[in-house]
N, C-alpha and C. Protein backbone atom coordinates (compact mmCIF):
# COMPACT_ATOMS: atom_id res chain seq x y z
N MET A 1 -17.80 -2.66 -16.77
CA MET A 1 -17.11 -1.76 -16.05
C MET A 1 -17.91 -0.31 -15.69
N GLU A 2 -18.14 0.05 -14.50
CA GLU A 2 -18.82 1.09 -14.06
C GLU A 2 -17.64 2.24 -14.12
N TYR A 3 -18.17 3.50 -14.33
CA TYR A 3 -17.33 4.62 -14.31
C TYR A 3 -17.90 5.75 -13.35
N LEU A 4 -16.90 6.43 -12.83
CA LEU A 4 -17.42 7.69 -11.97
C LEU A 4 -18.05 8.84 -12.84
N LEU A 5 -18.98 9.34 -12.35
CA LEU A 5 -19.62 10.66 -12.91
C LEU A 5 -18.66 11.66 -12.61
N PRO A 6 -18.73 12.86 -13.43
CA PRO A 6 -17.98 13.91 -13.21
C PRO A 6 -18.09 14.52 -11.83
N ASP A 7 -19.58 14.51 -11.25
CA ASP A 7 -19.87 15.12 -9.98
C ASP A 7 -19.92 14.07 -8.99
N ASP A 8 -19.28 12.85 -9.17
CA ASP A 8 -19.17 11.95 -8.06
C ASP A 8 -18.55 12.52 -6.83
N LYS A 9 -19.03 12.07 -5.70
CA LYS A 9 -18.43 12.55 -4.41
C LYS A 9 -16.70 12.07 -4.36
N LEU A 10 -16.55 10.98 -4.95
CA LEU A 10 -14.94 10.39 -4.99
C LEU A 10 -14.14 11.37 -5.71
N LEU A 11 -14.59 12.31 -6.51
CA LEU A 11 -13.81 13.23 -7.10
C LEU A 11 -14.03 14.84 -6.62
N ALA A 12 -14.59 14.79 -5.38
CA ALA A 12 -14.84 16.25 -4.73
C ALA A 12 -13.58 17.01 -4.48
N HIS A 13 -12.50 16.14 -3.89
CA HIS A 13 -11.22 16.70 -3.71
C HIS A 13 -10.54 17.11 -4.71
N GLU A 14 -10.54 16.13 -5.70
CA GLU A 14 -9.79 16.49 -7.03
C GLU A 14 -10.35 17.67 -7.82
N ARG A 15 -11.72 17.68 -7.57
CA ARG A 15 -12.47 18.96 -8.45
C ARG A 15 -12.04 20.16 -7.70
N ASN A 16 -11.86 20.21 -6.35
CA ASN A 16 -11.60 21.38 -5.58
C ASN A 16 -10.30 21.99 -5.97
N PHE A 17 -9.26 21.14 -6.16
CA PHE A 17 -7.90 21.53 -6.61
C PHE A 17 -7.73 21.83 -8.12
N TRP A 18 -8.51 21.08 -8.90
CA TRP A 18 -8.49 21.38 -10.25
C TRP A 18 -9.06 22.75 -10.50
N ASP A 19 -10.31 23.07 -9.67
CA ASP A 19 -10.90 24.41 -9.90
C ASP A 19 -9.92 25.48 -9.43
N GLY A 20 -9.07 25.12 -8.37
CA GLY A 20 -8.15 26.02 -7.81
C GLY A 20 -6.87 26.34 -8.54
N GLY A 21 -6.72 25.77 -9.77
CA GLY A 21 -5.81 26.09 -10.75
C GLY A 21 -4.72 25.01 -10.71
N PHE A 22 -4.90 23.83 -10.06
CA PHE A 22 -3.78 22.74 -10.18
C PHE A 22 -4.25 21.80 -11.31
N SER A 23 -3.41 21.50 -12.24
CA SER A 23 -3.67 20.73 -13.42
C SER A 23 -3.39 19.31 -13.15
N PHE A 24 -2.65 18.97 -12.52
CA PHE A 24 -2.23 17.51 -12.23
C PHE A 24 -2.27 17.06 -10.68
N VAL A 25 -3.59 16.63 -10.20
CA VAL A 25 -3.79 16.23 -8.87
C VAL A 25 -3.67 14.85 -8.74
N GLY A 26 -2.94 14.49 -7.89
CA GLY A 26 -2.64 12.86 -7.66
C GLY A 26 -3.00 12.40 -6.21
N GLY A 27 -3.04 11.11 -6.14
CA GLY A 27 -3.08 10.54 -4.61
C GLY A 27 -2.08 9.47 -4.47
N THR A 28 -1.83 9.33 -3.30
CA THR A 28 -0.91 8.21 -2.89
C THR A 28 -1.28 7.49 -1.62
N ASP A 29 -1.19 6.10 -1.70
CA ASP A 29 -1.44 5.31 -0.54
C ASP A 29 -0.53 4.04 -0.49
N GLU A 30 -0.56 3.51 0.70
CA GLU A 30 0.35 2.23 0.80
C GLU A 30 -0.27 1.05 1.20
N ALA A 31 0.25 -0.26 1.00
CA ALA A 31 -0.21 -1.48 1.48
C ALA A 31 0.73 -2.15 2.18
N GLY A 32 0.55 -3.01 3.27
CA GLY A 32 1.43 -3.81 3.82
C GLY A 32 1.97 -3.16 5.10
N ARG A 33 1.33 -2.37 5.96
CA ARG A 33 2.13 -1.95 7.23
C ARG A 33 1.95 -3.10 8.16
N GLY A 34 0.92 -3.74 8.07
CA GLY A 34 0.86 -4.63 9.30
C GLY A 34 1.34 -6.13 9.16
N PRO A 35 1.65 -6.61 8.02
CA PRO A 35 2.08 -7.98 8.04
C PRO A 35 3.55 -8.24 8.53
N LEU A 36 3.74 -9.25 8.92
CA LEU A 36 5.03 -9.76 9.70
C LEU A 36 6.09 -10.09 8.65
N ALA A 37 5.84 -10.23 7.31
CA ALA A 37 6.82 -10.49 6.32
C ALA A 37 6.33 -9.83 4.99
N GLY A 38 7.35 -9.49 4.21
CA GLY A 38 7.19 -9.00 2.77
C GLY A 38 7.30 -7.39 2.94
N PRO A 39 7.32 -6.74 1.80
CA PRO A 39 7.63 -5.23 1.77
C PRO A 39 6.43 -4.47 1.89
N VAL A 40 6.79 -3.30 2.30
CA VAL A 40 5.58 -2.34 2.33
C VAL A 40 5.63 -1.68 0.88
N VAL A 41 4.45 -1.34 0.28
CA VAL A 41 4.33 -0.99 -1.23
C VAL A 41 3.42 0.19 -1.22
N ALA A 42 3.77 1.30 -1.86
CA ALA A 42 3.07 2.44 -2.05
C ALA A 42 2.90 2.76 -3.33
N ALA A 43 1.75 3.33 -3.84
CA ALA A 43 1.40 3.89 -5.18
C ALA A 43 0.97 5.24 -5.33
N ALA A 44 1.25 5.74 -6.61
CA ALA A 44 0.70 7.21 -6.72
C ALA A 44 -0.05 7.16 -8.02
N VAL A 45 -0.98 7.89 -8.01
CA VAL A 45 -1.84 7.87 -9.31
C VAL A 45 -2.28 9.32 -9.61
N VAL A 46 -2.20 9.69 -10.83
CA VAL A 46 -2.60 11.03 -11.28
C VAL A 46 -3.56 10.85 -12.30
N PHE A 47 -4.91 11.11 -12.39
CA PHE A 47 -5.79 10.87 -13.28
C PHE A 47 -5.82 12.43 -13.98
N PRO A 48 -5.96 12.25 -15.39
CA PRO A 48 -6.41 13.48 -16.10
C PRO A 48 -7.62 14.12 -15.67
N ARG A 49 -7.79 15.21 -15.81
CA ARG A 49 -9.02 16.01 -15.43
C ARG A 49 -10.20 15.47 -16.17
N SER A 50 -10.00 15.21 -17.40
CA SER A 50 -11.08 14.87 -18.52
C SER A 50 -11.29 13.30 -18.62
N ALA A 51 -10.59 12.55 -17.61
CA ALA A 51 -10.44 10.99 -17.78
C ALA A 51 -11.96 10.50 -17.53
N ARG A 52 -12.10 9.33 -18.09
CA ARG A 52 -13.17 8.52 -17.67
C ARG A 52 -12.83 7.49 -16.55
N ILE A 53 -12.95 7.74 -15.31
CA ILE A 53 -12.40 6.92 -14.36
C ILE A 53 -13.18 5.66 -14.04
N PRO A 54 -12.59 4.67 -13.88
CA PRO A 54 -13.43 3.38 -13.29
C PRO A 54 -13.80 3.70 -11.91
N LYS A 55 -15.05 3.09 -11.44
CA LYS A 55 -15.56 3.27 -10.16
C LYS A 55 -14.64 2.49 -9.07
N VAL A 56 -13.70 3.38 -8.49
CA VAL A 56 -12.85 2.73 -7.83
C VAL A 56 -13.49 2.73 -6.37
N ASN A 57 -12.92 2.18 -5.25
CA ASN A 57 -13.27 2.15 -3.97
C ASN A 57 -11.79 1.73 -3.16
N ASP A 58 -12.18 2.02 -1.79
CA ASP A 58 -10.96 1.51 -0.83
C ASP A 58 -10.93 0.03 -1.09
N SER A 59 -9.44 -0.28 -1.48
CA SER A 59 -9.00 -1.50 -1.75
C SER A 59 -9.53 -2.61 -0.77
N LYS A 60 -9.49 -2.28 0.56
CA LYS A 60 -9.96 -3.12 1.66
C LYS A 60 -11.46 -3.41 1.56
N LYS A 61 -12.15 -2.88 0.87
CA LYS A 61 -13.62 -3.08 0.83
C LYS A 61 -13.95 -3.90 -0.54
N LEU A 62 -12.86 -4.31 -1.23
CA LEU A 62 -13.12 -4.98 -2.42
C LEU A 62 -12.72 -6.45 -2.54
N THR A 63 -13.20 -7.41 -3.26
CA THR A 63 -12.58 -8.58 -3.40
C THR A 63 -11.36 -8.72 -4.29
N GLU A 64 -10.66 -9.73 -4.01
CA GLU A 64 -9.39 -9.90 -4.70
C GLU A 64 -9.79 -9.75 -6.34
N ALA A 65 -10.93 -10.28 -6.80
CA ALA A 65 -11.14 -10.28 -8.23
C ALA A 65 -11.78 -8.87 -8.63
N GLN A 66 -12.44 -8.22 -7.76
CA GLN A 66 -12.48 -6.72 -7.97
C GLN A 66 -11.56 -6.00 -8.14
N ARG A 67 -10.42 -6.07 -7.27
CA ARG A 67 -9.07 -5.39 -7.17
C ARG A 67 -8.45 -5.55 -8.54
N ASN A 68 -8.48 -6.83 -8.93
CA ASN A 68 -7.47 -7.36 -10.11
C ASN A 68 -8.40 -6.37 -11.25
N GLU A 69 -9.57 -6.65 -11.42
CA GLU A 69 -10.27 -6.10 -12.54
C GLU A 69 -10.14 -4.54 -12.58
N LEU A 70 -10.10 -3.85 -11.34
CA LEU A 70 -9.99 -2.51 -11.33
C LEU A 70 -8.53 -2.07 -11.68
N PHE A 71 -7.50 -2.82 -11.18
CA PHE A 71 -6.26 -2.57 -11.35
C PHE A 71 -5.93 -2.48 -12.89
N ALA A 72 -6.32 -3.50 -13.78
CA ALA A 72 -6.17 -3.37 -15.14
C ALA A 72 -7.13 -2.34 -15.76
N ALA A 73 -8.21 -1.97 -15.15
CA ALA A 73 -8.87 -0.77 -15.73
C ALA A 73 -8.30 0.42 -15.40
N ILE A 74 -7.72 0.61 -14.28
CA ILE A 74 -7.10 1.93 -14.09
C ILE A 74 -5.80 2.25 -14.94
N LEU A 75 -5.02 1.19 -15.35
CA LEU A 75 -3.78 1.31 -16.05
C LEU A 75 -4.40 1.67 -17.54
N GLU A 76 -5.46 1.31 -17.84
CA GLU A 76 -5.94 1.53 -19.22
C GLU A 76 -6.45 2.97 -19.44
N VAL A 77 -6.81 3.66 -18.26
CA VAL A 77 -7.42 5.14 -18.41
C VAL A 77 -6.21 5.96 -19.41
N PRO A 78 -6.72 6.48 -20.33
CA PRO A 78 -5.53 7.34 -21.30
C PRO A 78 -5.15 8.51 -20.56
N GLY A 79 -3.95 8.66 -20.67
CA GLY A 79 -3.37 9.84 -19.94
C GLY A 79 -2.79 9.55 -18.61
N ILE A 80 -3.27 8.46 -18.00
CA ILE A 80 -3.02 8.40 -16.49
C ILE A 80 -1.50 8.12 -16.34
N GLN A 81 -1.18 8.84 -15.23
CA GLN A 81 0.30 8.73 -14.86
C GLN A 81 0.17 7.83 -13.24
N TRP A 82 0.98 6.91 -13.20
CA TRP A 82 1.01 5.90 -11.91
C TRP A 82 2.37 5.50 -11.83
N SER A 83 2.67 5.02 -10.45
CA SER A 83 3.95 4.46 -10.17
C SER A 83 3.87 3.62 -8.84
N VAL A 84 4.60 2.65 -8.57
CA VAL A 84 4.63 1.79 -7.61
C VAL A 84 6.11 1.83 -6.95
N ALA A 85 6.24 1.90 -5.58
CA ALA A 85 7.49 1.79 -4.91
C ALA A 85 7.32 0.79 -3.79
N GLU A 86 8.73 -0.02 -3.53
CA GLU A 86 8.67 -1.00 -2.66
C GLU A 86 9.75 -0.76 -1.60
N LEU A 87 9.43 -1.18 -0.35
CA LEU A 87 10.74 -1.13 0.51
C LEU A 87 10.58 -2.54 1.17
N THR A 88 11.69 -3.01 1.21
CA THR A 88 11.86 -4.43 1.66
C THR A 88 11.79 -4.66 3.23
N ALA A 89 11.69 -5.81 3.62
CA ALA A 89 11.74 -6.18 5.20
C ALA A 89 12.87 -5.58 5.83
N GLU A 90 14.12 -5.57 5.17
CA GLU A 90 15.25 -5.16 5.61
C GLU A 90 15.12 -3.64 5.78
N ASP A 91 14.67 -2.86 4.86
CA ASP A 91 14.45 -1.49 4.93
C ASP A 91 13.44 -1.09 6.24
N ILE A 92 12.39 -1.95 6.32
CA ILE A 92 11.56 -1.76 7.49
C ILE A 92 12.26 -1.94 8.81
N ASP A 93 13.13 -2.97 9.02
CA ASP A 93 13.85 -3.35 10.22
C ASP A 93 14.78 -2.01 10.37
N ARG A 94 15.21 -1.44 9.34
CA ARG A 94 16.35 -0.49 9.71
C ARG A 94 15.84 0.84 10.05
N MET A 95 14.39 1.15 9.38
CA MET A 95 14.07 2.44 9.63
C MET A 95 12.66 2.71 10.44
N ASN A 96 12.07 1.44 10.66
CA ASN A 96 10.74 1.28 11.37
C ASN A 96 9.60 1.31 10.43
N ILE A 97 8.48 0.83 10.64
CA ILE A 97 7.46 0.53 9.55
C ILE A 97 6.73 1.96 9.23
N LEU A 98 6.70 2.87 10.13
CA LEU A 98 6.15 4.02 9.80
C LEU A 98 7.00 4.81 8.75
N GLN A 99 8.17 4.97 9.10
CA GLN A 99 9.31 5.72 8.27
C GLN A 99 9.17 4.99 6.81
N ALA A 100 9.24 3.66 6.94
CA ALA A 100 9.45 3.02 5.51
C ALA A 100 8.18 3.20 4.87
N SER A 101 6.98 3.26 5.29
CA SER A 101 5.71 3.45 4.71
C SER A 101 5.80 4.87 4.06
N ARG A 102 6.29 5.93 4.91
CA ARG A 102 6.38 7.43 4.25
C ARG A 102 7.48 7.33 3.31
N GLU A 103 8.41 6.70 3.40
CA GLU A 103 9.50 6.82 2.23
C GLU A 103 9.06 5.97 1.12
N ALA A 104 8.18 5.07 1.14
CA ALA A 104 7.73 4.30 -0.05
C ALA A 104 6.66 5.36 -0.99
N MET A 105 5.98 6.13 -0.04
CA MET A 105 5.08 7.19 -0.63
C MET A 105 5.90 8.21 -1.30
N ARG A 106 6.95 8.51 -0.64
CA ARG A 106 7.78 9.73 -1.38
C ARG A 106 8.32 9.24 -2.56
N ARG A 107 8.94 7.91 -2.62
CA ARG A 107 9.55 7.44 -3.76
C ARG A 107 8.45 7.33 -4.84
N ALA A 108 7.31 6.74 -4.61
CA ALA A 108 6.37 6.40 -5.61
C ALA A 108 5.94 7.85 -6.15
N VAL A 109 5.75 8.96 -5.40
CA VAL A 109 5.31 10.31 -5.97
C VAL A 109 6.52 10.87 -6.77
N LYS A 110 7.66 10.71 -6.30
CA LYS A 110 8.80 11.26 -7.06
C LYS A 110 8.96 10.59 -8.43
N MET A 111 8.49 9.57 -8.79
CA MET A 111 8.44 8.88 -10.20
C MET A 111 7.33 9.40 -11.00
N ILE A 112 6.39 10.16 -10.56
CA ILE A 112 5.43 10.71 -11.35
C ILE A 112 6.00 12.04 -12.04
N LYS A 113 5.81 12.00 -13.34
CA LYS A 113 6.44 13.29 -14.14
C LYS A 113 5.91 14.54 -14.01
N LYS A 114 4.60 14.47 -13.83
CA LYS A 114 3.77 15.75 -13.89
C LYS A 114 2.71 15.64 -12.71
N ILE A 115 2.89 16.27 -11.55
CA ILE A 115 2.05 16.43 -10.48
C ILE A 115 2.16 17.79 -9.79
N ASP A 116 1.04 18.47 -9.45
CA ASP A 116 1.32 19.68 -8.93
C ASP A 116 0.43 19.69 -7.61
N TYR A 117 -0.34 18.83 -7.22
CA TYR A 117 -1.05 18.76 -6.04
C TYR A 117 -1.16 17.38 -5.54
N LEU A 118 -0.91 17.03 -4.34
CA LEU A 118 -0.91 15.60 -3.78
C LEU A 118 -1.96 15.53 -2.59
N LEU A 119 -2.71 14.39 -2.89
CA LEU A 119 -3.72 14.07 -1.81
C LEU A 119 -2.95 12.70 -1.17
N ILE A 120 -2.89 12.64 0.17
CA ILE A 120 -2.28 11.68 0.87
C ILE A 120 -3.07 10.92 1.80
N ASP A 121 -3.23 9.56 1.83
CA ASP A 121 -4.17 8.84 2.57
C ASP A 121 -3.60 8.85 4.14
N GLY A 122 -4.18 9.07 4.93
CA GLY A 122 -3.94 9.17 6.47
C GLY A 122 -3.56 10.38 6.96
N LEU A 123 -2.60 10.43 7.64
CA LEU A 123 -2.03 11.50 8.38
C LEU A 123 -0.91 12.27 7.61
N PRO A 124 -0.46 13.58 7.87
CA PRO A 124 0.34 14.19 7.07
C PRO A 124 1.75 13.39 7.06
N VAL A 125 2.28 13.53 5.96
CA VAL A 125 3.69 13.06 5.56
C VAL A 125 4.78 13.85 5.26
N PRO A 126 5.82 14.16 5.94
CA PRO A 126 6.77 15.18 5.73
C PRO A 126 7.52 14.72 4.55
N GLY A 127 8.19 15.76 3.86
CA GLY A 127 9.18 15.41 2.84
C GLY A 127 8.86 15.45 1.42
N PHE A 128 7.78 15.95 1.11
CA PHE A 128 7.33 16.16 -0.17
C PHE A 128 7.41 17.54 -0.58
N ASP A 129 7.87 17.90 -1.81
CA ASP A 129 8.23 19.10 -2.29
C ASP A 129 7.32 19.74 -3.02
N LEU A 130 6.09 19.40 -2.89
CA LEU A 130 4.91 19.99 -3.62
C LEU A 130 3.68 20.18 -2.74
N PRO A 131 2.85 21.03 -3.06
CA PRO A 131 1.60 21.19 -2.08
C PRO A 131 0.87 19.89 -1.84
N ASN A 132 0.44 19.85 -0.79
CA ASN A 132 -0.38 18.55 -0.43
C ASN A 132 -1.37 18.62 0.77
N SER A 133 -2.27 17.60 0.80
CA SER A 133 -3.21 17.50 1.84
C SER A 133 -3.30 15.92 2.28
N ALA A 134 -3.43 15.88 3.61
CA ALA A 134 -3.63 14.57 3.99
C ALA A 134 -5.00 14.30 4.41
N LEU A 135 -5.66 13.15 4.06
CA LEU A 135 -7.09 13.03 4.28
C LEU A 135 -7.03 11.51 5.03
N VAL A 136 -7.73 11.65 6.23
CA VAL A 136 -8.04 10.44 6.94
C VAL A 136 -9.04 9.77 6.12
N LYS A 137 -8.88 8.31 5.94
CA LYS A 137 -9.62 7.61 5.26
C LYS A 137 -9.90 7.93 3.87
N GLY A 138 -8.80 8.62 3.34
CA GLY A 138 -8.68 9.09 2.11
C GLY A 138 -9.06 8.19 0.96
N ASP A 139 -8.93 6.92 1.23
CA ASP A 139 -9.18 5.82 0.16
C ASP A 139 -10.43 5.52 0.06
N ALA A 140 -11.41 6.06 0.79
CA ALA A 140 -12.74 6.20 0.73
C ALA A 140 -13.51 7.43 0.43
N SER A 141 -12.64 8.41 0.15
CA SER A 141 -13.18 9.84 -0.22
C SER A 141 -12.40 10.30 -1.55
N SER A 142 -11.31 9.89 -1.99
CA SER A 142 -10.72 10.32 -3.03
C SER A 142 -10.50 9.20 -4.17
N ALA A 143 -10.80 9.48 -5.28
CA ALA A 143 -10.63 8.59 -6.35
C ALA A 143 -9.28 8.22 -6.61
N SER A 144 -8.32 9.29 -6.71
CA SER A 144 -6.91 9.28 -6.86
C SER A 144 -6.35 8.27 -5.77
N ILE A 145 -6.64 8.45 -4.36
CA ILE A 145 -6.00 7.67 -3.42
C ILE A 145 -6.69 6.39 -3.47
N ALA A 146 -8.02 6.10 -3.73
CA ALA A 146 -8.54 4.88 -3.95
C ALA A 146 -7.87 4.02 -5.06
N ALA A 147 -7.44 4.69 -6.08
CA ALA A 147 -6.73 3.89 -7.19
C ALA A 147 -5.48 3.59 -6.70
N ALA A 148 -4.74 4.40 -6.08
CA ALA A 148 -3.40 4.17 -5.58
C ALA A 148 -3.33 2.96 -4.51
N SER A 149 -4.44 2.92 -3.72
CA SER A 149 -4.52 1.89 -2.80
C SER A 149 -4.79 0.60 -3.46
N ILE A 150 -5.34 0.53 -4.62
CA ILE A 150 -5.76 -0.67 -5.53
C ILE A 150 -4.46 -1.16 -5.96
N LEU A 151 -3.72 -0.10 -6.62
CA LEU A 151 -2.35 -0.51 -7.37
C LEU A 151 -1.41 -1.07 -6.26
N ALA A 152 -1.34 -0.32 -5.13
CA ALA A 152 -0.45 -0.82 -4.18
C ALA A 152 -0.72 -2.43 -3.61
N LYS A 153 -2.01 -2.50 -3.27
CA LYS A 153 -2.43 -3.76 -2.83
C LYS A 153 -2.44 -4.90 -3.79
N VAL A 154 -2.72 -4.86 -4.95
CA VAL A 154 -2.71 -5.76 -5.99
C VAL A 154 -0.96 -6.01 -6.31
N HIS A 155 -0.05 -5.07 -6.37
CA HIS A 155 1.19 -5.31 -6.66
C HIS A 155 1.82 -5.95 -5.53
N ARG A 156 1.34 -5.60 -4.28
CA ARG A 156 2.03 -6.52 -3.13
C ARG A 156 1.64 -7.86 -3.11
N ASP A 157 0.21 -8.16 -3.46
CA ASP A 157 -0.20 -9.58 -3.38
C ASP A 157 0.37 -10.26 -4.41
N LYS A 158 0.95 -9.58 -5.56
CA LYS A 158 1.47 -10.55 -6.63
C LYS A 158 3.02 -10.69 -6.11
N LEU A 159 3.57 -9.95 -5.33
CA LEU A 159 4.90 -10.14 -4.73
C LEU A 159 4.76 -11.30 -3.87
N MET A 160 3.85 -11.29 -2.70
CA MET A 160 3.69 -12.31 -1.97
C MET A 160 3.43 -13.70 -2.50
N LYS A 161 2.75 -13.74 -3.61
CA LYS A 161 2.67 -14.91 -4.49
C LYS A 161 3.80 -15.63 -4.83
N LYS A 162 4.69 -14.52 -5.29
CA LYS A 162 6.05 -15.05 -5.76
C LYS A 162 6.95 -15.55 -4.66
N PHE A 163 6.67 -14.87 -3.56
CA PHE A 163 7.40 -15.18 -2.29
C PHE A 163 7.09 -16.62 -1.80
N ASP A 164 5.79 -17.11 -2.08
CA ASP A 164 5.28 -18.22 -1.44
C ASP A 164 6.00 -19.27 -2.25
N ALA A 165 6.33 -19.23 -3.45
CA ALA A 165 7.03 -20.26 -4.12
C ALA A 165 8.48 -20.33 -3.74
N GLU A 166 8.98 -19.08 -3.45
CA GLU A 166 10.52 -19.12 -3.01
C GLU A 166 10.78 -19.58 -1.71
N PHE A 167 9.56 -19.28 -0.76
CA PHE A 167 9.63 -19.73 0.80
C PHE A 167 8.45 -20.52 0.93
N PRO A 168 8.36 -21.87 0.48
CA PRO A 168 7.09 -22.54 0.84
C PRO A 168 6.98 -22.89 2.14
N GLY A 169 5.72 -23.27 2.55
CA GLY A 169 5.44 -23.51 4.01
C GLY A 169 4.77 -22.40 4.77
N TYR A 170 4.97 -21.23 4.59
CA TYR A 170 4.49 -20.12 5.29
C TYR A 170 3.13 -19.73 5.00
N GLY A 171 2.64 -19.97 3.79
CA GLY A 171 1.37 -19.73 3.27
C GLY A 171 1.34 -18.40 2.75
N PHE A 172 2.49 -17.83 2.34
CA PHE A 172 2.47 -16.34 1.83
C PHE A 172 1.25 -16.00 0.75
N GLU A 173 1.05 -17.03 -0.07
CA GLU A 173 0.07 -16.77 -1.17
C GLU A 173 -1.41 -16.39 -0.63
N ASN A 174 -1.66 -17.06 0.41
CA ASN A 174 -2.99 -17.02 1.22
C ASN A 174 -2.94 -15.81 2.18
N ASN A 175 -1.92 -15.85 3.01
CA ASN A 175 -1.99 -14.84 4.15
C ASN A 175 -1.26 -13.52 3.95
N LYS A 176 -0.55 -13.52 2.92
CA LYS A 176 0.24 -12.23 2.37
C LYS A 176 1.06 -11.65 3.52
N GLY A 177 1.55 -12.60 4.29
CA GLY A 177 2.64 -12.13 5.18
C GLY A 177 1.91 -11.81 6.61
N TYR A 178 0.52 -11.71 6.78
CA TYR A 178 -0.06 -11.32 7.88
C TYR A 178 -0.03 -12.47 9.15
N GLY A 179 -0.03 -12.08 10.34
CA GLY A 179 0.15 -13.16 11.46
C GLY A 179 -1.02 -13.89 11.65
N THR A 180 -1.32 -14.81 10.84
CA THR A 180 -2.55 -15.64 11.00
C THR A 180 -2.08 -16.88 11.75
N LYS A 181 -3.08 -17.60 12.29
CA LYS A 181 -2.75 -18.72 13.08
C LYS A 181 -1.73 -19.77 12.34
N GLU A 182 -2.05 -19.98 11.19
CA GLU A 182 -1.29 -20.93 10.47
C GLU A 182 0.20 -20.41 10.02
N HIS A 183 0.24 -19.05 9.88
CA HIS A 183 1.62 -18.38 9.43
C HIS A 183 2.30 -18.55 10.88
N MET A 184 1.79 -18.15 11.93
CA MET A 184 2.31 -18.26 13.28
C MET A 184 3.13 -19.70 13.44
N ALA A 185 2.12 -20.88 13.31
CA ALA A 185 2.50 -22.19 13.48
C ALA A 185 3.77 -22.47 12.51
N ALA A 186 3.69 -21.99 11.44
CA ALA A 186 4.90 -22.26 10.42
C ALA A 186 6.18 -21.53 10.83
N LEU A 187 5.80 -20.24 11.32
CA LEU A 187 7.12 -19.40 11.76
C LEU A 187 7.77 -20.17 12.88
N ARG A 188 7.04 -20.80 13.77
CA ARG A 188 7.72 -21.38 14.96
C ARG A 188 8.26 -22.72 14.54
N TYR A 189 7.79 -23.37 13.52
CA TYR A 189 8.21 -24.68 12.93
C TYR A 189 9.46 -24.51 12.18
N LEU A 190 9.39 -23.56 10.99
CA LEU A 190 10.32 -23.37 10.10
C LEU A 190 11.47 -22.44 10.58
N GLY A 191 11.05 -21.40 11.46
CA GLY A 191 11.90 -20.51 11.71
C GLY A 191 11.60 -19.17 10.87
N VAL A 192 12.63 -18.22 10.72
CA VAL A 192 12.43 -16.77 10.17
C VAL A 192 13.11 -17.22 8.87
N CYS A 193 12.53 -16.53 7.78
CA CYS A 193 12.93 -16.68 6.45
C CYS A 193 13.50 -14.98 6.06
N ARG A 194 13.94 -14.95 5.11
CA ARG A 194 14.64 -13.64 4.74
C ARG A 194 13.66 -12.37 4.59
N ILE A 195 12.32 -12.91 4.10
CA ILE A 195 11.48 -11.63 4.03
C ILE A 195 10.75 -11.42 5.29
N HIS A 196 10.92 -12.00 6.50
CA HIS A 196 10.20 -11.66 7.61
C HIS A 196 10.78 -10.37 8.42
N ARG A 197 10.01 -9.72 8.98
CA ARG A 197 10.29 -8.31 9.62
C ARG A 197 10.76 -8.60 11.08
N ARG A 198 11.99 -8.64 11.19
CA ARG A 198 12.80 -9.08 12.47
C ARG A 198 12.44 -8.18 13.58
N SER A 199 12.04 -6.87 13.28
CA SER A 199 11.90 -5.86 14.23
C SER A 199 10.42 -6.00 14.80
N PHE A 200 9.39 -6.84 14.09
CA PHE A 200 8.22 -6.98 14.52
C PHE A 200 8.05 -8.06 15.69
N ALA A 201 7.44 -7.87 16.86
CA ALA A 201 7.50 -8.71 18.05
C ALA A 201 7.40 -9.99 17.82
N PRO A 202 6.37 -10.48 16.90
CA PRO A 202 6.14 -11.85 16.98
C PRO A 202 7.36 -12.48 16.05
N VAL A 203 7.94 -12.03 15.29
CA VAL A 203 9.05 -12.58 14.70
C VAL A 203 10.48 -12.41 15.55
N ARG A 204 10.47 -11.37 16.17
CA ARG A 204 11.76 -11.22 17.26
C ARG A 204 11.53 -12.13 18.38
N ASN A 205 10.47 -12.41 18.73
CA ASN A 205 10.30 -13.46 19.89
C ASN A 205 10.69 -14.88 19.34
N ILE A 206 10.56 -15.16 18.20
CA ILE A 206 11.02 -16.40 17.63
C ILE A 206 12.41 -16.61 17.61
N ILE A 207 13.22 -15.30 17.19
CA ILE A 207 14.47 -15.28 17.06
C ILE A 207 15.27 -15.44 18.35
N GLU A 208 14.63 -14.46 19.21
CA GLU A 208 15.26 -14.36 20.58
C GLU A 208 14.02 -14.53 21.66
N PRO A 209 13.67 -15.99 21.86
CA PRO A 209 12.70 -16.00 22.93
C PRO A 209 13.01 -15.59 24.35
N MET A 210 11.79 -15.33 24.78
CA MET A 210 12.05 -14.93 26.32
C MET A 210 12.55 -16.17 27.22
N PRO A 211 13.63 -15.82 27.99
CA PRO A 211 14.26 -16.64 28.96
C PRO A 211 13.05 -17.54 29.76
N GLN A 212 13.15 -18.86 29.71
CA GLN A 212 12.13 -19.44 30.97
C GLN A 212 12.98 -19.30 32.21
N HIS A 213 11.95 -19.03 33.07
CA HIS A 213 12.59 -18.89 34.47
C HIS A 213 12.24 -20.16 35.17
N PRO A 214 13.01 -20.91 35.94
CA PRO A 214 12.89 -21.96 36.60
C PRO A 214 11.72 -21.95 37.76
N GLU A 215 11.03 -22.89 37.81
CA GLU A 215 10.06 -22.88 39.15
C GLU A 215 10.81 -22.62 40.37
N LEU A 216 10.31 -21.70 41.15
CA LEU A 216 10.96 -21.63 42.38
C LEU A 216 10.50 -22.56 43.55
N PHE A 217 9.41 -23.07 43.15
CA PHE A 217 8.84 -24.09 44.26
C PHE A 217 8.33 -25.25 43.48
């Protein structure tokens, strides 16, 4: 296992706020905004300043095996604080995917006991009661956000594998709920299951297909 050096660029944001007097600098990220099925998951991570941190990266740039290895290594960091929060397909349909993703982040951060500065992946997220900064592509520039992205992605993938056993035929173990060709074919054949996001157009169109207009001529 490789580890980040203290002056690694992935720790630049954390060092900036540590040096500015913040003791517990954390990051948050989400996984699962795009799929047609399953929950959206967010994670939050706070590394101790003196921690030996695994060489994390944006979860999308890692293989499944690399993510799983880093997932275990992250959780073994002495003194780490971490949390994971899920919002279901029903939650997503009720509040829309943007708001559900934000709420998942807020819930994950709220579960962290000690955090005094937060780094958020992407655009600003309202509703946090502590100082924070939003970093576009933060999972590629902040170790805390990158670690959160790995925890969220691995946790969600495990959930989708469980759903594959509960709802066979859709290929959730492989497609993780994304709208692959095989998933769409299964959706048309099997119909919609409990974890499908009914507010997403491809699913909604299965439930309420567009009316077929008769030929005029």
